[in-house]
PDB file of N, CA and C in Angstrom:
ATOM      1  N   UNK A   1      92.835 -38.123-176.642  1.00  0.00           N
ATOM      2  CA  UNK A   1      92.131 -36.864-176.800  1.00  0.00           C
ATOM      3  C   UNK A   1      91.572 -36.421-175.452  1.00  0.00           C
ATOM      4  N   UNK A   2      91.706 -35.142-175.177  1.00  0.00           N
ATOM      5  CA  UNK A   2      91.210 -34.612-173.911  1.00  0.00           C
ATOM      6  C   UNK A   2      89.688 -34.546-173.927  1.00  0.00           C
ATOM      7  N   UNK A   3      89.113 -34.802-172.779  1.00  0.00           N
ATOM      8  CA  UNK A   3      87.666 -34.609-172.684  1.00  0.00           C
ATOM      9  C   UNK A   3      87.408 -33.135-172.372  1.00  0.00           C
ATOM     10  N   UNK A   4      86.337 -32.579-172.909  1.00  0.00           N
ATOM     11  CA  UNK A   4      86.069 -31.153-172.678  1.00  0.00           C
ATOM     12  C   UNK A   4      85.728 -30.903-171.207  1.00  0.00           C
ATOM     13  N   UNK A   5      86.160 -29.753-170.740  1.00  0.00           N
ATOM     14  CA  UNK A   5      85.842 -29.375-169.365  1.00  0.00           C
ATOM     15  C   UNK A   5      84.356 -29.065-169.263  1.00  0.00           C
ATOM     16  N   UNK A   6      83.779 -29.287-168.094  1.00  0.00           N
ATOM     17  CA  UNK A   6      82.342 -29.015-167.963  1.00  0.00           C
ATOM     18  C   UNK A   6      81.993 -27.533-168.091  1.00  0.00           C
ATOM     19  N   UNK A   7      82.963 -26.642-167.827  1.00  0.00           N
ATOM     20  CA  UNK A   7      82.649 -25.214-167.937  1.00  0.00           C
ATOM     21  C   UNK A   7      83.010 -24.642-169.306  1.00  0.00           C
ATOM     22  N   UNK A   8      83.453 -25.494-170.246  1.00  0.00           N
ATOM     23  CA  UNK A   8      83.690 -25.044-171.621  1.00  0.00           C
ATOM     24  C   UNK A   8      82.341 -24.873-172.308  1.00  0.00           C
ATOM     25  N   UNK A   9      81.949 -23.653-172.475  1.00  0.00           N
ATOM     26  CA  UNK A   9      80.638 -23.370-173.031  1.00  0.00           C
ATOM     27  C   UNK A   9      80.800 -22.383-174.182  1.00  0.00           C
ATOM     28  N   UNK A  10      80.359 -22.754-175.379  1.00  0.00           N
ATOM     29  CA  UNK A  10      80.494 -21.816-176.496  1.00  0.00           C
ATOM     30  C   UNK A  10      79.661 -20.549-176.303  1.00  0.00           C
ATOM     31  N   UNK A  11      78.580 -20.640-175.553  1.00  0.00           N
ATOM     32  CA  UNK A  11      77.757 -19.453-175.309  1.00  0.00           C
ATOM     33  C   UNK A  11      78.482 -18.460-174.415  1.00  0.00           C
ATOM     34  N   UNK A  12      79.301 -18.980-173.509  1.00  0.00           N
ATOM     35  CA  UNK A  12      80.099 -18.101-172.652  1.00  0.00           C
ATOM     36  C   UNK A  12      81.115 -17.331-173.497  1.00  0.00           C
ATOM     37  N   UNK A  13      81.743 -18.015-174.432  1.00  0.00           N
ATOM     38  CA  UNK A  13      82.708 -17.362-175.322  1.00  0.00           C
ATOM     39  C   UNK A  13      82.009 -16.342-176.223  1.00  0.00           C
ATOM     40  N   UNK A  14      80.840 -16.701-176.731  1.00  0.00           N
ATOM     41  CA  UNK A  14      80.095 -15.772-177.584  1.00  0.00           C
ATOM     42  C   UNK A  14      79.675 -14.532-176.797  1.00  0.00           C
ATOM     43  N   UNK A  15      79.284 -14.729-175.556  1.00  0.00           N
ATOM     44  CA  UNK A  15      78.922 -13.595-174.705  1.00  0.00           C
ATOM     45  C   UNK A  15      80.102 -12.678-174.443  1.00  0.00           C
ATOM     46  N   UNK A  16      81.281 -13.274-174.248  1.00  0.00           N
ATOM     47  CA  UNK A  16      82.481 -12.470-174.012  1.00  0.00           C
ATOM     48  C   UNK A  16      82.830 -11.642-175.243  1.00  0.00           C
ATOM     49  N   UNK A  17      82.785 -12.253-176.405  1.00  0.00           N
ATOM     50  CA  UNK A  17      83.102 -11.531-177.644  1.00  0.00           C
ATOM     51  C   UNK A  17      82.097 -10.399-177.875  1.00  0.00           C
ATOM     52  N   UNK A  18      80.832 -10.667-177.610  1.00  0.00           N
ATOM     53  CA  UNK A  18      79.809  -9.627-177.768  1.00  0.00           C
ATOM     54  C   UNK A  18      80.025  -8.486-176.783  1.00  0.00           C
ATOM     55  N   UNK A  19      80.368  -8.823-175.545  1.00  0.00           N
ATOM     56  CA  UNK A  19      80.601  -7.790-174.532  1.00  0.00           C
ATOM     57  C   UNK A  19      81.807  -6.930-174.893  1.00  0.00           C
ATOM     58  N   UNK A  20      82.854  -7.550-175.427  1.00  0.00           N
ATOM     59  CA  UNK A  20      84.038  -6.790-175.829  1.00  0.00           C
ATOM     60  C   UNK A  20      83.686  -5.824-176.961  1.00  0.00           C
ATOM     61  N   UNK A  21      82.968  -6.307-177.957  1.00  0.00           N
ATOM     62  CA  UNK A  21      82.572  -5.441-179.068  1.00  0.00           C
ATOM     63  C   UNK A  21      81.683  -4.300-178.618  1.00  0.00           C
ATOM     64  N   UNK A  22      80.740  -4.613-177.754  1.00  0.00           N
ATOM     65  CA  UNK A  22      79.830  -3.589-177.250  1.00  0.00           C
ATOM     66  C   UNK A  22      80.577  -2.548-176.425  1.00  0.00           C
ATOM     67  N   UNK A  23      81.540  -3.003-175.642  1.00  0.00           N
ATOM     68  CA  UNK A  23      82.357  -2.087-174.828  1.00  0.00           C
ATOM     69  C   UNK A  23      83.093  -1.078-175.712  1.00  0.00           C
ATOM     70  N   UNK A  24      83.689  -1.562-176.788  1.00  0.00           N
ATOM     71  CA  UNK A  24      84.439  -0.680-177.692  1.00  0.00           C
ATOM     72  C   UNK A  24      83.496   0.300-178.387  1.00  0.00           C
ATOM     73  N   UNK A  25      82.349  -0.186-178.834  1.00  0.00           N
ATOM     74  CA  UNK A  25      81.389   0.678-179.535  1.00  0.00           C
ATOM     75  C   UNK A  25      80.843   1.758-178.603  1.00  0.00           C
ATOM     76  N   UNK A  26      80.498   1.387-177.383  1.00  0.00           N
ATOM     77  CA  UNK A  26      79.940   2.365-176.442  1.00  0.00           C
ATOM     78  C   UNK A  26      80.973   3.430-176.084  1.00  0.00           C
ATOM     79  N   UNK A  27      82.212   3.009-175.813  1.00  0.00           N
ATOM     80  CA  UNK A  27      83.258   3.988-175.480  1.00  0.00           C
ATOM     81  C   UNK A  27      83.538   4.918-176.659  1.00  0.00           C
ATOM     82  N   UNK A  28      83.530   4.384-177.875  1.00  0.00           N
ATOM     83  CA  UNK A  28      83.749   5.215-179.055  1.00  0.00           C
ATOM     84  C   UNK A  28      82.603   6.213-179.231  1.00  0.00           C
ATOM     85  N   UNK A  29      81.373   5.763-179.012  1.00  0.00           N
ATOM     86  CA  UNK A  29      80.219   6.659-179.132  1.00  0.00           C
ATOM     87  C   UNK A  29      80.257   7.755-178.065  1.00  0.00           C
ATOM     88  N   UNK A  30      80.652   7.401-176.856  1.00  0.00           N
ATOM     89  CA  UNK A  30      80.778   8.409-175.795  1.00  0.00           C
ATOM     90  C   UNK A  30      81.861   9.420-176.165  1.00  0.00           C
ATOM     91  N   UNK A  31      82.957   8.938-176.746  1.00  0.00           N
ATOM     92  CA  UNK A  31      84.012   9.839-177.206  1.00  0.00           C
ATOM     93  C   UNK A  31      83.514  10.792-178.281  1.00  0.00           C
ATOM     94  N   UNK A  32      82.688  10.287-179.190  1.00  0.00           N
ATOM     95  CA  UNK A  32      82.115  11.142-180.238  1.00  0.00           C
ATOM     96  C   UNK A  32      81.239  12.230-179.620  1.00  0.00           C
ATOM     97  N   UNK A  33      80.380  11.828-178.701  1.00  0.00           N
ATOM     98  CA  UNK A  33      79.475  12.792-178.066  1.00  0.00           C
ATOM     99  C   UNK A  33      80.273  13.841-177.288  1.00  0.00           C
ATOM    100  N   UNK A  34      81.307  13.405-176.579  1.00  0.00           N
ATOM    101  CA  UNK A  34      82.146  14.361-175.837  1.00  0.00           C
ATOM    102  C   UNK A  34      82.860  15.322-176.791  1.00  0.00           C
ATOM    103  N   UNK A  35      83.369  14.809-177.906  1.00  0.00           N
ATOM    104  CA  UNK A  35      84.017  15.672-178.891  1.00  0.00           C
ATOM    105  C   UNK A  35      83.050  16.667-179.503  1.00  0.00           C
ATOM    106  N   UNK A  36      81.842  16.214-179.763  1.00  0.00           N
ATOM    107  CA  UNK A  36      80.810  17.101-180.311  1.00  0.00           C
ATOM    108  C   UNK A  36      80.444  18.178-179.289  1.00  0.00           C
ATOM    109  N   UNK A  37      80.366  17.795-178.025  1.00  0.00           N
ATOM    110  CA  UNK A  37      80.006  18.736-176.963  1.00  0.00           C
ATOM    111  C   UNK A  37      81.120  19.753-176.721  1.00  0.00           C
ATOM    112  N   UNK A  38      82.373  19.302-176.746  1.00  0.00           N
ATOM    113  CA  UNK A  38      83.496  20.188-176.431  1.00  0.00           C
ATOM    114  C   UNK A  38      83.713  21.279-177.466  1.00  0.00           C
ATOM    115  N   UNK A  39      83.477  20.986-178.716  1.00  0.00           N
ATOM    116  CA  UNK A  39      83.731  22.031-179.690  1.00  0.00           C
ATOM    117  C   UNK A  39      82.933  21.862-180.962  1.00  0.00           C
ATOM    118  N   UNK A  40      82.667  20.650-181.306  1.00  0.00           N
ATOM    119  CA  UNK A  40      81.906  20.396-182.514  1.00  0.00           C
ATOM    120  C   UNK A  40      82.715  20.461-183.787  1.00  0.00           C
ATOM    121  N   UNK A  41      83.939  20.973-183.717  1.00  0.00           N
ATOM    122  CA  UNK A  41      84.754  21.011-184.934  1.00  0.00           C
ATOM    123  C   UNK A  41      85.300  19.615-185.213  1.00  0.00           C
ATOM    124  N   UNK A  42      85.788  19.446-186.442  1.00  0.00           N
ATOM    125  CA  UNK A  42      86.286  18.138-186.849  1.00  0.00           C
ATOM    126  C   UNK A  42      87.400  17.630-185.946  1.00  0.00           C
ATOM    127  N   UNK A  43      88.277  18.516-185.520  1.00  0.00           N
ATOM    128  CA  UNK A  43      89.398  18.123-184.668  1.00  0.00           C
ATOM    129  C   UNK A  43      88.953  17.566-183.327  1.00  0.00           C
ATOM    130  N   UNK A  44      87.974  18.226-182.705  1.00  0.00           N
ATOM    131  CA  UNK A  44      87.475  17.760-181.413  1.00  0.00           C
ATOM    132  C   UNK A  44      86.762  16.429-181.547  1.00  0.00           C
ATOM    133  N   UNK A  45      85.982  16.283-182.606  1.00  0.00           N
ATOM    134  CA  UNK A  45      85.240  15.033-182.796  1.00  0.00           C
ATOM    135  C   UNK A  45      86.207  13.875-183.034  1.00  0.00           C
ATOM    136  N   UNK A  46      87.210  14.095-183.883  1.00  0.00           N
ATOM    137  CA  UNK A  46      88.186  13.037-184.156  1.00  0.00           C
ATOM    138  C   UNK A  46      88.948  12.680-182.885  1.00  0.00           C
ATOM    139  N   UNK A  47      89.354  13.693-182.123  1.00  0.00           N
ATOM    140  CA  UNK A  47      90.073  13.430-180.870  1.00  0.00           C
ATOM    141  C   UNK A  47      89.198  12.652-179.890  1.00  0.00           C
ATOM    142  N   UNK A  48      87.940  13.034-179.786  1.00  0.00           N
ATOM    143  CA  UNK A  48      87.027  12.328-178.883  1.00  0.00           C
ATOM    144  C   UNK A  48      86.821  10.885-179.288  1.00  0.00           C
ATOM    145  N   UNK A  49      86.663  10.658-180.590  1.00  0.00           N
ATOM    146  CA  UNK A  49      86.474   9.289-181.083  1.00  0.00           C
ATOM    147  C   UNK A  49      87.723   8.452-180.825  1.00  0.00           C
ATOM    148  N   UNK A  50      88.890   9.014-181.096  1.00  0.00           N
ATOM    149  CA  UNK A  50      90.136   8.260-180.893  1.00  0.00           C
ATOM    150  C   UNK A  50      90.363   7.954-179.410  1.00  0.00           C
ATOM    151  N   UNK A  51      90.140   8.932-178.551  1.00  0.00           N
ATOM    152  CA  UNK A  51      90.301   8.699-177.111  1.00  0.00           C
ATOM    153  C   UNK A  51      89.299   7.651-176.633  1.00  0.00           C
ATOM    154  N   UNK A  52      88.053   7.767-177.068  1.00  0.00           N
ATOM    155  CA  UNK A  52      87.038   6.785-176.690  1.00  0.00           C
ATOM    156  C   UNK A  52      87.368   5.393-177.188  1.00  0.00           C
ATOM    157  N   UNK A  53      87.878   5.302-178.412  1.00  0.00           N
ATOM    158  CA  UNK A  53      88.241   4.000-178.976  1.00  0.00           C
ATOM    159  C   UNK A  53      89.354   3.348-178.163  1.00  0.00           C
ATOM    160  N   UNK A  54      90.395   4.117-177.853  1.00  0.00           N
ATOM    161  CA  UNK A  54      91.513   3.538-177.104  1.00  0.00           C
ATOM    162  C   UNK A  54      91.120   3.216-175.662  1.00  0.00           C
ATOM    163  N   UNK A  55      90.249   4.014-175.075  1.00  0.00           N
ATOM    164  CA  UNK A  55      89.734   3.661-173.750  1.00  0.00           C
ATOM    165  C   UNK A  55      88.902   2.381-173.821  1.00  0.00           C
ATOM    166  N   UNK A  56      88.129   2.233-174.892  1.00  0.00           N
ATOM    167  CA  UNK A  56      87.355   1.004-175.083  1.00  0.00           C
ATOM    168  C   UNK A  56      88.247  -0.213-175.236  1.00  0.00           C
ATOM    169  N   UNK A  57      89.336  -0.072-175.988  1.00  0.00           N
ATOM    170  CA  UNK A  57      90.293  -1.173-176.136  1.00  0.00           C
ATOM    171  C   UNK A  57      90.904  -1.512-174.774  1.00  0.00           C
ATOM    172  N   UNK A  58      91.275  -0.482-174.018  1.00  0.00           N
ATOM    173  CA  UNK A  58      91.867  -0.710-172.697  1.00  0.00           C
ATOM    174  C   UNK A  58      90.920  -1.426-171.746  1.00  0.00           C
ATOM    175  N   UNK A  59      89.665  -0.990-171.708  1.00  0.00           N
ATOM    176  CA  UNK A  59      88.707  -1.645-170.819  1.00  0.00           C
ATOM    177  C   UNK A  59      88.391  -3.055-171.294  1.00  0.00           C
ATOM    178  N   UNK A  60      88.400  -3.277-172.609  1.00  0.00           N
ATOM    179  CA  UNK A  60      88.171  -4.627-173.128  1.00  0.00           C
ATOM    180  C   UNK A  60      89.317  -5.560-172.741  1.00  0.00           C
ATOM    181  N   UNK A  61      90.541  -5.057-172.784  1.00  0.00           N
ATOM    182  CA  UNK A  61      91.693  -5.874-172.375  1.00  0.00           C
ATOM    183  C   UNK A  61      91.596  -6.209-170.889  1.00  0.00           C
ATOM    184  N   UNK A  62      91.225  -5.227-170.068  1.00  0.00           N
ATOM    185  CA  UNK A  62      91.079  -5.491-168.632  1.00  0.00           C
ATOM    186  C   UNK A  62      89.972  -6.511-168.368  1.00  0.00           C
ATOM    187  N   UNK A  63      88.860  -6.405-169.106  1.00  0.00           N
ATOM    188  CA  UNK A  63      87.771  -7.353-168.943  1.00  0.00           C
ATOM    189  C   UNK A  63      88.210  -8.757-169.358  1.00  0.00           C
ATOM    190  N   UNK A  64      88.966  -8.854-170.437  1.00  0.00           N
ATOM    191  CA  UNK A  64      89.452 -10.148-170.907  1.00  0.00           C
ATOM    192  C   UNK A  64      90.421 -10.763-169.901  1.00  0.00           C
ATOM    193  N   UNK A  65      91.301  -9.944-169.326  1.00  0.00           N
ATOM    194  CA  UNK A  65      92.227 -10.453-168.310  1.00  0.00           C
ATOM    195  C   UNK A  65      91.468 -10.976-167.100  1.00  0.00           C
ATOM    196  N   UNK A  66      90.453 -10.244-166.662  1.00  0.00           N
ATOM    197  CA  UNK A  66      89.653 -10.686-165.520  1.00  0.00           C
ATOM    198  C   UNK A  66      88.924 -11.983-165.847  1.00  0.00           C
ATOM    199  N   UNK A  67      88.399 -12.086-167.035  1.00  0.00           N
ATOM    200  CA  UNK A  67      87.697 -13.295-167.466  1.00  0.00           C
ATOM    201  C   UNK A  67      88.643 -14.489-167.465  1.00  0.00           C
ATOM    202  N   UNK A  68      89.850 -14.301-167.978  1.00  0.00           N
ATOM    203  CA  UNK A  68      90.808 -15.404-168.041  1.00  0.00           C
ATOM    204  C   UNK A  68      91.329 -15.777-166.656  1.00  0.00           C
ATOM    205  N   UNK A  69      91.487 -14.811-165.759  1.00  0.00           N
ATOM    206  CA  UNK A  69      91.900 -15.122-164.391  1.00  0.00           C
ATOM    207  C   UNK A  69      90.823 -15.915-163.669  1.00  0.00           C
ATOM    208  N   UNK A  70      89.560 -15.543-163.851  1.00  0.00           N
ATOM    209  CA  UNK A  70      88.459 -16.292-163.240  1.00  0.00           C
ATOM    210  C   UNK A  70      88.413 -17.707-163.792  1.00  0.00           C
ATOM    211  N   UNK A  71      88.748 -17.858-165.059  1.00  0.00           N
ATOM    212  CA  UNK A  71      88.731 -19.167-165.706  1.00  0.00           C
ATOM    213  C   UNK A  71      89.797 -20.081-165.113  1.00  0.00           C
ATOM    214  N   UNK A  72      90.951 -19.531-164.762  1.00  0.00           N
ATOM    215  CA  UNK A  72      92.042 -20.340-164.211  1.00  0.00           C
ATOM    216  C   UNK A  72      91.770 -20.773-162.780  1.00  0.00           C
ATOM    217  N   UNK A  73      91.024 -19.983-162.047  1.00  0.00           N
ATOM    218  CA  UNK A  73      90.745 -20.310-160.641  1.00  0.00           C
ATOM    219  C   UNK A  73      89.845 -21.521-160.513  1.00  0.00           C
ATOM    220  N   UNK A  74      88.986 -21.720-161.471  1.00  0.00           N
ATOM    221  CA  UNK A  74      88.006 -22.811-161.379  1.00  0.00           C
ATOM    222  C   UNK A  74      88.614 -24.142-161.666  1.00  0.00           C
TER     223      UNK A  74
END
């Protein structure tokens, strides 16, 4: 059985998962506000939310890639 690495920390993983969730929620909320500001109609709000959500997913993927690259260097 492998011994755990000294940098294997469950709190680090929990922090990453929380940061990813928060990133998606904040981007989605910003998209909602932008959609409301641009027109306020249902179409603008839905478009803003969808764009914000996908931008949040994209930034979360980039953050996860950076986290995993830093993990491999150590």
